N, C-alpha and C. Protein backbone atom coordinates (compact mmCIF):
# COMPACT_ATOMS: atom_id res chain seq x y z
N MET A 1 35.91 -14.53 24.72
CA MET A 1 34.52 -14.76 25.08
C MET A 1 33.96 -15.85 24.17
N SER A 2 33.26 -16.78 24.76
CA SER A 2 32.67 -17.89 24.01
C SER A 2 31.39 -17.44 23.32
N ARG A 3 31.19 -17.91 22.10
CA ARG A 3 29.96 -17.61 21.36
C ARG A 3 29.00 -18.79 21.40
N LYS A 4 29.28 -19.75 22.24
CA LYS A 4 28.41 -20.91 22.37
C LYS A 4 27.09 -20.50 23.02
N ARG A 5 26.01 -20.92 22.41
CA ARG A 5 24.68 -20.57 22.93
C ARG A 5 24.42 -21.29 24.24
N ASN A 6 23.74 -20.61 25.14
CA ASN A 6 23.37 -21.22 26.42
C ASN A 6 21.88 -21.50 26.49
N PHE A 7 21.26 -21.71 25.33
CA PHE A 7 19.83 -21.97 25.27
C PHE A 7 19.50 -22.86 24.09
N SER A 8 18.37 -23.53 24.20
CA SER A 8 17.90 -24.38 23.10
C SER A 8 17.00 -23.57 22.17
N LYS A 9 16.69 -24.15 21.04
CA LYS A 9 15.77 -23.52 20.09
C LYS A 9 14.41 -23.26 20.76
N ARG A 10 13.92 -24.23 21.53
CA ARG A 10 12.63 -24.10 22.22
C ARG A 10 12.69 -22.97 23.26
N GLN A 11 13.80 -22.89 24.00
CA GLN A 11 13.94 -21.82 24.99
C GLN A 11 13.97 -20.45 24.31
N LEU A 12 14.64 -20.36 23.18
CA LEU A 12 14.67 -19.11 22.44
C LEU A 12 13.27 -18.73 21.98
N ARG A 13 12.56 -19.69 21.43
CA ARG A 13 11.19 -19.44 20.96
C ARG A 13 10.30 -18.96 22.11
N ASP A 14 10.41 -19.60 23.26
CA ASP A 14 9.62 -19.20 24.43
C ASP A 14 9.99 -17.79 24.89
N ALA A 15 11.28 -17.48 24.90
CA ALA A 15 11.72 -16.14 25.31
C ALA A 15 11.23 -15.08 24.33
N LEU A 16 11.33 -15.36 23.03
CA LEU A 16 10.83 -14.41 22.03
C LEU A 16 9.33 -14.22 22.14
N GLY A 17 8.62 -15.26 22.61
CA GLY A 17 7.18 -15.16 22.81
C GLY A 17 6.79 -14.20 23.90
N MET A 18 7.75 -13.74 24.70
CA MET A 18 7.48 -12.75 25.74
C MET A 18 7.31 -11.35 25.16
N PHE A 19 7.61 -11.21 23.88
CA PHE A 19 7.45 -9.92 23.21
C PHE A 19 6.10 -9.92 22.51
N ALA A 20 5.17 -9.11 22.99
CA ALA A 20 3.84 -9.03 22.39
C ALA A 20 3.94 -8.35 21.02
N THR A 21 3.22 -8.90 20.05
CA THR A 21 3.22 -8.32 18.71
C THR A 21 1.79 -8.15 18.21
N GLY A 22 1.65 -7.31 17.23
CA GLY A 22 0.41 -7.28 16.48
C GLY A 22 0.41 -8.44 15.51
N VAL A 23 -0.70 -8.63 14.83
CA VAL A 23 -0.82 -9.72 13.85
C VAL A 23 -1.18 -9.11 12.51
N THR A 24 -0.52 -9.57 11.47
CA THR A 24 -0.79 -9.10 10.12
C THR A 24 -1.06 -10.29 9.21
N ILE A 25 -1.65 -10.00 8.08
CA ILE A 25 -1.67 -10.96 6.98
C ILE A 25 -0.98 -10.26 5.82
N ILE A 26 0.06 -10.90 5.31
CA ILE A 26 0.79 -10.39 4.15
C ILE A 26 0.16 -11.04 2.92
N THR A 27 -0.19 -10.23 1.94
CA THR A 27 -0.82 -10.76 0.73
C THR A 27 -0.04 -10.32 -0.50
N SER A 28 -0.26 -11.03 -1.58
CA SER A 28 0.32 -10.66 -2.86
C SER A 28 -0.49 -11.33 -3.96
N CYS A 29 -0.12 -11.03 -5.18
CA CYS A 29 -0.76 -11.62 -6.35
C CYS A 29 0.35 -11.93 -7.35
N THR A 30 0.42 -13.19 -7.76
CA THR A 30 1.48 -13.59 -8.69
C THR A 30 1.19 -13.06 -10.09
N ARG A 31 2.16 -13.19 -10.96
CA ARG A 31 1.98 -12.78 -12.35
C ARG A 31 0.90 -13.60 -13.05
N ASP A 32 0.60 -14.79 -12.50
CA ASP A 32 -0.47 -15.64 -13.03
C ASP A 32 -1.80 -15.40 -12.31
N ASP A 33 -1.89 -14.30 -11.57
CA ASP A 33 -3.10 -13.91 -10.83
C ASP A 33 -3.47 -14.86 -9.70
N GLU A 34 -2.50 -15.60 -9.18
CA GLU A 34 -2.77 -16.44 -8.01
C GLU A 34 -2.64 -15.57 -6.76
N LEU A 35 -3.65 -15.62 -5.90
CA LEU A 35 -3.62 -14.85 -4.66
C LEU A 35 -2.80 -15.58 -3.61
N LEU A 36 -1.96 -14.83 -2.91
CA LEU A 36 -1.13 -15.37 -1.83
C LEU A 36 -1.51 -14.67 -0.54
N GLY A 37 -1.44 -15.38 0.56
CA GLY A 37 -1.70 -14.78 1.86
C GLY A 37 -1.14 -15.63 2.97
N VAL A 38 -0.51 -14.98 3.94
CA VAL A 38 0.06 -15.69 5.08
C VAL A 38 -0.02 -14.81 6.33
N THR A 39 -0.44 -15.42 7.44
CA THR A 39 -0.46 -14.71 8.72
C THR A 39 0.98 -14.51 9.17
N CYS A 40 1.26 -13.32 9.70
CA CYS A 40 2.64 -12.98 10.03
C CYS A 40 2.67 -12.01 11.21
N ASN A 41 3.47 -12.34 12.22
CA ASN A 41 3.66 -11.36 13.29
C ASN A 41 5.09 -10.83 13.31
N SER A 42 5.87 -11.21 12.32
CA SER A 42 7.24 -10.69 12.20
C SER A 42 7.25 -9.51 11.23
N PHE A 43 6.41 -8.53 11.53
CA PHE A 43 6.28 -7.30 10.73
C PHE A 43 6.85 -6.15 11.55
N ASN A 44 7.52 -5.22 10.86
CA ASN A 44 8.11 -4.09 11.57
C ASN A 44 8.31 -2.92 10.62
N SER A 45 8.31 -1.72 11.18
CA SER A 45 8.69 -0.56 10.39
C SER A 45 10.21 -0.51 10.30
N VAL A 46 10.70 0.03 9.19
CA VAL A 46 12.14 0.16 8.99
C VAL A 46 12.52 1.63 8.92
N SER A 47 11.76 2.41 8.14
CA SER A 47 12.12 3.79 7.88
C SER A 47 10.87 4.60 7.56
N LEU A 48 10.87 5.86 7.97
CA LEU A 48 9.77 6.76 7.60
C LEU A 48 10.06 7.47 6.28
N ASP A 49 11.34 7.68 5.97
CA ASP A 49 11.70 8.38 4.75
C ASP A 49 12.93 7.72 4.12
N PRO A 50 12.74 6.87 3.13
CA PRO A 50 11.47 6.49 2.51
C PRO A 50 10.67 5.57 3.44
N PRO A 51 9.36 5.50 3.22
CA PRO A 51 8.51 4.66 4.07
C PRO A 51 8.73 3.17 3.78
N MET A 52 9.47 2.51 4.67
CA MET A 52 9.82 1.11 4.44
C MET A 52 9.39 0.24 5.62
N VAL A 53 8.98 -0.98 5.29
CA VAL A 53 8.57 -1.97 6.28
C VAL A 53 9.25 -3.29 5.95
N LEU A 54 9.23 -4.21 6.92
CA LEU A 54 9.77 -5.54 6.65
C LEU A 54 8.88 -6.60 7.27
N PHE A 55 8.99 -7.80 6.73
CA PHE A 55 8.40 -8.99 7.33
C PHE A 55 9.31 -10.15 6.98
N SER A 56 9.17 -11.24 7.70
CA SER A 56 9.97 -12.42 7.37
C SER A 56 9.08 -13.63 7.23
N LEU A 57 9.49 -14.52 6.33
CA LEU A 57 8.79 -15.78 6.10
C LEU A 57 9.75 -16.94 6.32
N SER A 58 9.25 -17.97 6.94
CA SER A 58 10.04 -19.18 7.15
C SER A 58 10.44 -19.79 5.81
N ARG A 59 11.61 -20.34 5.76
CA ARG A 59 12.04 -21.04 4.56
C ARG A 59 11.18 -22.28 4.32
N GLN A 60 10.43 -22.71 5.33
CA GLN A 60 9.53 -23.86 5.21
C GLN A 60 8.14 -23.45 4.70
N ALA A 61 7.86 -22.15 4.59
CA ALA A 61 6.53 -21.69 4.15
C ALA A 61 6.26 -22.17 2.72
N HIS A 62 5.09 -22.74 2.51
CA HIS A 62 4.72 -23.25 1.19
C HIS A 62 4.73 -22.16 0.12
N SER A 63 4.43 -20.94 0.52
CA SER A 63 4.31 -19.85 -0.45
C SER A 63 5.58 -19.01 -0.59
N LEU A 64 6.66 -19.39 0.08
CA LEU A 64 7.88 -18.58 0.05
C LEU A 64 8.36 -18.29 -1.37
N ASN A 65 8.51 -19.32 -2.19
CA ASN A 65 9.02 -19.11 -3.55
C ASN A 65 8.12 -18.20 -4.36
N LYS A 66 6.82 -18.30 -4.13
CA LYS A 66 5.89 -17.44 -4.87
C LYS A 66 6.01 -15.99 -4.41
N PHE A 67 6.14 -15.76 -3.09
CA PHE A 67 6.34 -14.40 -2.59
C PHE A 67 7.65 -13.82 -3.14
N GLU A 68 8.69 -14.65 -3.21
CA GLU A 68 9.97 -14.16 -3.72
C GLU A 68 9.86 -13.73 -5.18
N GLY A 69 8.91 -14.27 -5.93
CA GLY A 69 8.73 -13.91 -7.32
C GLY A 69 7.80 -12.73 -7.56
N CYS A 70 7.25 -12.16 -6.49
CA CYS A 70 6.31 -11.04 -6.62
C CYS A 70 7.02 -9.70 -6.45
N ASP A 71 6.59 -8.73 -7.23
CA ASP A 71 7.16 -7.38 -7.15
C ASP A 71 6.49 -6.53 -6.08
N PHE A 72 5.30 -6.95 -5.63
CA PHE A 72 4.53 -6.16 -4.67
C PHE A 72 3.98 -7.06 -3.57
N PHE A 73 3.67 -6.45 -2.44
CA PHE A 73 2.94 -7.14 -1.38
C PHE A 73 2.12 -6.12 -0.61
N ALA A 74 1.13 -6.60 0.11
CA ALA A 74 0.31 -5.74 0.96
C ALA A 74 0.39 -6.28 2.39
N VAL A 75 0.37 -5.36 3.33
CA VAL A 75 0.35 -5.70 4.76
C VAL A 75 -1.00 -5.28 5.30
N ASN A 76 -1.70 -6.21 5.92
CA ASN A 76 -3.00 -5.95 6.54
C ASN A 76 -2.83 -6.10 8.05
N ILE A 77 -2.94 -5.01 8.80
CA ILE A 77 -2.83 -5.07 10.26
C ILE A 77 -4.20 -5.41 10.80
N LEU A 78 -4.30 -6.53 11.51
CA LEU A 78 -5.59 -7.08 11.89
C LEU A 78 -6.16 -6.50 13.18
N ALA A 79 -7.48 -6.39 13.20
CA ALA A 79 -8.23 -6.00 14.39
C ALA A 79 -8.57 -7.27 15.18
N ASP A 80 -8.90 -7.08 16.45
CA ASP A 80 -9.20 -8.21 17.33
C ASP A 80 -10.33 -9.09 16.80
N ASN A 81 -11.27 -8.51 16.07
CA ASN A 81 -12.39 -9.30 15.55
C ASN A 81 -12.03 -10.07 14.27
N GLN A 82 -10.75 -10.10 13.90
CA GLN A 82 -10.31 -10.82 12.71
C GLN A 82 -9.50 -12.08 13.05
N ARG A 83 -9.73 -12.64 14.23
CA ARG A 83 -9.01 -13.85 14.64
C ARG A 83 -9.23 -15.00 13.66
N ASP A 84 -10.47 -15.19 13.22
CA ASP A 84 -10.76 -16.29 12.29
C ASP A 84 -9.96 -16.13 11.00
N LEU A 85 -9.85 -14.89 10.53
CA LEU A 85 -9.07 -14.62 9.32
C LEU A 85 -7.59 -14.95 9.56
N SER A 86 -7.08 -14.55 10.71
CA SER A 86 -5.70 -14.87 11.07
C SER A 86 -5.47 -16.38 11.08
N ASP A 87 -6.38 -17.11 11.71
CA ASP A 87 -6.25 -18.58 11.76
C ASP A 87 -6.30 -19.19 10.37
N ARG A 88 -7.18 -18.68 9.53
CA ARG A 88 -7.35 -19.22 8.17
C ARG A 88 -6.06 -19.11 7.37
N PHE A 89 -5.36 -17.97 7.51
CA PHE A 89 -4.16 -17.74 6.71
C PHE A 89 -2.88 -18.19 7.42
N ALA A 90 -3.02 -18.78 8.61
CA ALA A 90 -1.86 -19.25 9.36
C ALA A 90 -1.38 -20.62 8.90
N ARG A 91 -2.17 -21.31 8.11
CA ARG A 91 -1.76 -22.65 7.66
C ARG A 91 -2.06 -22.83 6.17
N PRO A 92 -1.32 -23.72 5.55
CA PRO A 92 -1.55 -23.95 4.11
C PRO A 92 -2.94 -24.53 3.87
N SER A 93 -3.60 -24.02 2.87
CA SER A 93 -4.93 -24.52 2.53
C SER A 93 -5.26 -24.08 1.11
N LEU A 94 -5.94 -24.94 0.39
CA LEU A 94 -6.33 -24.60 -0.97
C LEU A 94 -7.51 -23.64 -1.00
N ASP A 95 -8.28 -23.60 0.08
CA ASP A 95 -9.49 -22.77 0.07
C ASP A 95 -9.40 -21.55 0.99
N LYS A 96 -8.20 -21.03 1.22
CA LYS A 96 -8.01 -19.86 2.08
C LYS A 96 -8.89 -18.69 1.68
N TRP A 97 -9.06 -18.52 0.39
CA TRP A 97 -9.72 -17.32 -0.12
C TRP A 97 -11.23 -17.47 -0.27
N ASP A 98 -11.78 -18.66 -0.04
CA ASP A 98 -13.22 -18.87 -0.18
C ASP A 98 -13.99 -18.01 0.81
N ASN A 99 -14.94 -17.24 0.30
CA ASN A 99 -15.83 -16.41 1.11
C ASN A 99 -15.11 -15.38 1.97
N VAL A 100 -13.97 -14.90 1.53
CA VAL A 100 -13.23 -13.87 2.25
C VAL A 100 -13.45 -12.54 1.53
N GLU A 101 -13.87 -11.54 2.30
CA GLU A 101 -14.09 -10.21 1.72
C GLU A 101 -12.77 -9.44 1.67
N TYR A 102 -12.46 -8.93 0.50
CA TYR A 102 -11.26 -8.11 0.35
C TYR A 102 -11.47 -7.17 -0.82
N GLU A 103 -10.64 -6.16 -0.84
CA GLU A 103 -10.59 -5.25 -1.98
C GLU A 103 -9.18 -5.35 -2.54
N THR A 104 -9.00 -4.87 -3.73
CA THR A 104 -7.65 -4.87 -4.29
C THR A 104 -7.22 -3.43 -4.49
N GLY A 105 -5.94 -3.22 -4.26
CA GLY A 105 -5.38 -1.91 -4.49
C GLY A 105 -4.83 -1.81 -5.90
N VAL A 106 -3.98 -0.83 -6.10
CA VAL A 106 -3.42 -0.60 -7.43
C VAL A 106 -2.51 -1.75 -7.87
N THR A 107 -2.00 -2.53 -6.92
CA THR A 107 -1.11 -3.65 -7.25
C THR A 107 -1.86 -4.96 -7.44
N GLN A 108 -3.16 -4.95 -7.23
CA GLN A 108 -4.01 -6.15 -7.24
C GLN A 108 -3.77 -7.05 -6.03
N CYS A 109 -2.98 -6.61 -5.06
CA CYS A 109 -2.80 -7.37 -3.82
C CYS A 109 -4.06 -7.24 -2.98
N PRO A 110 -4.55 -8.34 -2.41
CA PRO A 110 -5.74 -8.27 -1.57
C PRO A 110 -5.50 -7.47 -0.29
N MET A 111 -6.51 -6.65 0.04
CA MET A 111 -6.51 -5.89 1.30
C MET A 111 -7.83 -6.19 1.98
N PHE A 112 -7.77 -6.63 3.24
CA PHE A 112 -8.94 -7.14 3.93
C PHE A 112 -9.80 -6.04 4.54
N THR A 113 -11.08 -6.12 4.23
CA THR A 113 -12.07 -5.23 4.80
C THR A 113 -12.03 -5.37 6.32
N GLY A 114 -12.01 -4.26 7.03
CA GLY A 114 -12.02 -4.30 8.49
C GLY A 114 -10.65 -4.28 9.13
N SER A 115 -9.59 -4.29 8.34
CA SER A 115 -8.25 -4.21 8.92
C SER A 115 -8.01 -2.83 9.51
N LEU A 116 -7.14 -2.75 10.50
CA LEU A 116 -6.84 -1.47 11.14
C LEU A 116 -6.07 -0.55 10.20
N ALA A 117 -5.17 -1.12 9.43
CA ALA A 117 -4.40 -0.36 8.44
C ALA A 117 -3.92 -1.33 7.37
N MET A 118 -3.73 -0.80 6.18
CA MET A 118 -3.26 -1.60 5.05
C MET A 118 -2.21 -0.80 4.30
N PHE A 119 -1.14 -1.47 3.92
CA PHE A 119 -0.06 -0.83 3.17
C PHE A 119 0.19 -1.63 1.91
N GLU A 120 0.29 -0.95 0.78
CA GLU A 120 0.75 -1.59 -0.44
C GLU A 120 2.21 -1.20 -0.62
N CYS A 121 3.02 -2.20 -0.89
CA CYS A 121 4.47 -1.99 -0.97
C CYS A 121 5.04 -2.63 -2.22
N TYR A 122 6.09 -2.02 -2.73
CA TYR A 122 6.83 -2.75 -3.75
C TYR A 122 8.07 -3.33 -3.07
N THR A 123 8.41 -4.53 -3.46
CA THR A 123 9.50 -5.25 -2.82
C THR A 123 10.83 -4.62 -3.23
N ARG A 124 11.57 -4.16 -2.23
CA ARG A 124 12.89 -3.56 -2.49
C ARG A 124 14.01 -4.58 -2.37
N PHE A 125 13.94 -5.42 -1.32
CA PHE A 125 15.03 -6.36 -1.05
C PHE A 125 14.51 -7.65 -0.46
N HIS A 126 15.27 -8.73 -0.66
CA HIS A 126 15.12 -10.00 0.07
C HIS A 126 16.47 -10.23 0.74
N TYR A 127 16.45 -10.62 1.99
CA TYR A 127 17.70 -10.91 2.70
C TYR A 127 17.64 -12.29 3.32
N ASP A 128 18.80 -12.93 3.39
CA ASP A 128 18.91 -14.18 4.12
C ASP A 128 18.77 -13.87 5.60
N GLY A 129 17.89 -14.59 6.26
CA GLY A 129 17.69 -14.43 7.70
C GLY A 129 17.74 -15.77 8.39
N GLY A 130 18.75 -16.58 8.10
CA GLY A 130 18.85 -17.90 8.72
C GLY A 130 17.76 -18.82 8.21
N ASP A 131 16.87 -19.24 9.10
CA ASP A 131 15.78 -20.13 8.67
C ASP A 131 14.58 -19.36 8.12
N HIS A 132 14.75 -18.04 7.93
CA HIS A 132 13.72 -17.18 7.34
C HIS A 132 14.31 -16.36 6.20
N VAL A 133 13.45 -15.80 5.38
CA VAL A 133 13.83 -14.81 4.38
C VAL A 133 13.17 -13.50 4.81
N ILE A 134 13.95 -12.43 4.84
CA ILE A 134 13.46 -11.11 5.24
C ILE A 134 13.11 -10.33 3.98
N PHE A 135 11.89 -9.83 3.92
CA PHE A 135 11.41 -9.02 2.81
C PHE A 135 11.33 -7.57 3.27
N VAL A 136 11.93 -6.67 2.52
CA VAL A 136 11.83 -5.24 2.81
C VAL A 136 11.09 -4.61 1.65
N GLY A 137 10.07 -3.83 1.99
CA GLY A 137 9.29 -3.17 0.95
C GLY A 137 9.14 -1.69 1.22
N GLU A 138 8.92 -0.95 0.16
CA GLU A 138 8.65 0.48 0.28
C GLU A 138 7.16 0.71 0.07
N ALA A 139 6.53 1.31 1.06
CA ALA A 139 5.09 1.57 0.99
C ALA A 139 4.83 2.76 0.08
N PHE A 140 3.83 2.62 -0.79
CA PHE A 140 3.46 3.73 -1.66
C PHE A 140 1.97 4.01 -1.62
N ASN A 141 1.21 3.16 -0.97
CA ASN A 141 -0.23 3.37 -0.82
C ASN A 141 -0.61 2.87 0.56
N MET A 142 -1.46 3.61 1.25
CA MET A 142 -1.84 3.25 2.60
C MET A 142 -3.30 3.60 2.82
N LYS A 143 -3.96 2.77 3.60
CA LYS A 143 -5.34 3.03 3.98
C LYS A 143 -5.48 2.71 5.46
N VAL A 144 -6.08 3.62 6.21
CA VAL A 144 -6.30 3.40 7.64
C VAL A 144 -7.77 3.13 7.86
N GLY A 145 -8.07 2.04 8.55
CA GLY A 145 -9.45 1.67 8.84
C GLY A 145 -9.98 2.38 10.07
N SER A 146 -11.11 1.92 10.54
CA SER A 146 -11.73 2.50 11.73
C SER A 146 -10.97 2.06 12.98
N PRO A 147 -10.87 2.95 13.98
CA PRO A 147 -10.20 2.57 15.22
C PRO A 147 -10.90 1.38 15.87
N ALA A 148 -10.12 0.44 16.34
CA ALA A 148 -10.64 -0.76 17.00
C ALA A 148 -9.51 -1.39 17.79
N ALA A 149 -9.84 -2.37 18.59
CA ALA A 149 -8.82 -3.10 19.34
C ALA A 149 -7.96 -3.91 18.36
N PRO A 150 -6.65 -3.92 18.55
CA PRO A 150 -5.78 -4.69 17.66
C PRO A 150 -5.78 -6.17 18.04
N LEU A 151 -5.48 -7.01 17.07
CA LEU A 151 -5.26 -8.43 17.35
C LEU A 151 -3.82 -8.57 17.82
N LEU A 152 -3.64 -9.14 19.00
CA LEU A 152 -2.31 -9.28 19.60
C LEU A 152 -1.94 -10.74 19.77
N PHE A 153 -0.64 -11.01 19.72
CA PHE A 153 -0.12 -12.36 19.92
C PHE A 153 0.95 -12.28 20.99
N TYR A 154 0.83 -13.15 22.02
CA TYR A 154 1.77 -13.14 23.15
C TYR A 154 1.84 -14.53 23.75
N GLN A 155 3.02 -15.02 24.00
CA GLN A 155 3.26 -16.33 24.60
C GLN A 155 2.48 -17.45 23.89
N GLY A 156 2.49 -17.41 22.57
CA GLY A 156 1.90 -18.49 21.79
C GLY A 156 0.40 -18.43 21.59
N GLY A 157 -0.24 -17.31 21.95
CA GLY A 157 -1.68 -17.23 21.77
C GLY A 157 -2.15 -15.79 21.59
N TYR A 158 -3.39 -15.67 21.16
CA TYR A 158 -4.00 -14.35 21.01
C TYR A 158 -4.27 -13.76 22.38
N ARG A 159 -4.17 -12.45 22.47
CA ARG A 159 -4.44 -11.75 23.72
C ARG A 159 -5.32 -10.54 23.41
N ALA A 160 -6.05 -10.12 24.44
CA ALA A 160 -6.94 -8.96 24.29
C ALA A 160 -6.27 -7.73 24.88
N MET A 161 -6.59 -6.61 24.33
CA MET A 161 -6.10 -5.33 24.84
C MET A 161 -7.32 -4.43 25.00
N THR A 162 -7.36 -3.72 26.07
CA THR A 162 -8.49 -2.82 26.29
C THR A 162 -7.99 -1.38 26.30
N PRO A 163 -8.88 -0.43 26.00
CA PRO A 163 -8.46 0.97 26.05
C PRO A 163 -8.04 1.35 27.47
N ASP A 164 -7.15 2.31 27.58
CA ASP A 164 -6.77 2.87 28.87
C ASP A 164 -8.03 3.38 29.56
N ALA A 165 -8.05 3.35 30.87
CA ALA A 165 -9.23 3.78 31.63
C ALA A 165 -9.65 5.21 31.29
N SER A 166 -8.70 6.04 30.89
CA SER A 166 -9.04 7.43 30.56
C SER A 166 -9.63 7.57 29.16
N ASP A 167 -9.50 6.51 28.34
CA ASP A 167 -10.06 6.54 26.99
C ASP A 167 -11.48 6.01 27.01
N SER A 168 -12.36 6.66 26.29
CA SER A 168 -13.74 6.18 26.21
C SER A 168 -13.92 5.17 25.08
N GLU A 169 -13.02 5.20 24.10
CA GLU A 169 -13.09 4.27 22.98
C GLU A 169 -11.74 4.23 22.29
N TRP A 170 -11.60 3.35 21.31
CA TRP A 170 -10.34 3.29 20.56
C TRP A 170 -10.22 4.50 19.67
N GLY A 171 -8.99 4.93 19.49
CA GLY A 171 -8.73 6.03 18.58
C GLY A 171 -8.40 7.23 19.26
């Protein structure tokens, strides 16, 4: 059997875009107290016992080396009304943190007010993932926000989700 790919990088990206995901912002704080943050939809649960999650960062990400040097990270699962926050952290910028409301947990990692859920994790592993680095962390602190519509990403753009007709509200 041939292992030759029958698709281009663009075709693969388009096909993967058919999988709807939630949107997160992964944050951390360096040993020099520099705040890090990046929008990420490559977040997933790994294990319930121990409670482990993963995310991946492109090897081209400006903050990759800094994230690799951090012992902790936080995952902020975004609500639909946090699109501006998602856009802000989706690209490199010196002023990402200007006028952004957040609290810090026990790790000093920023956690965004209004997020659907927030997890503080200590970094367990980094793995080679081709053109990405996969980070696996163990969650040790969690906060669940108020029920709301999630921020979704599908086919290269944000999408809206509404409650099922039988639901009167989120939650």
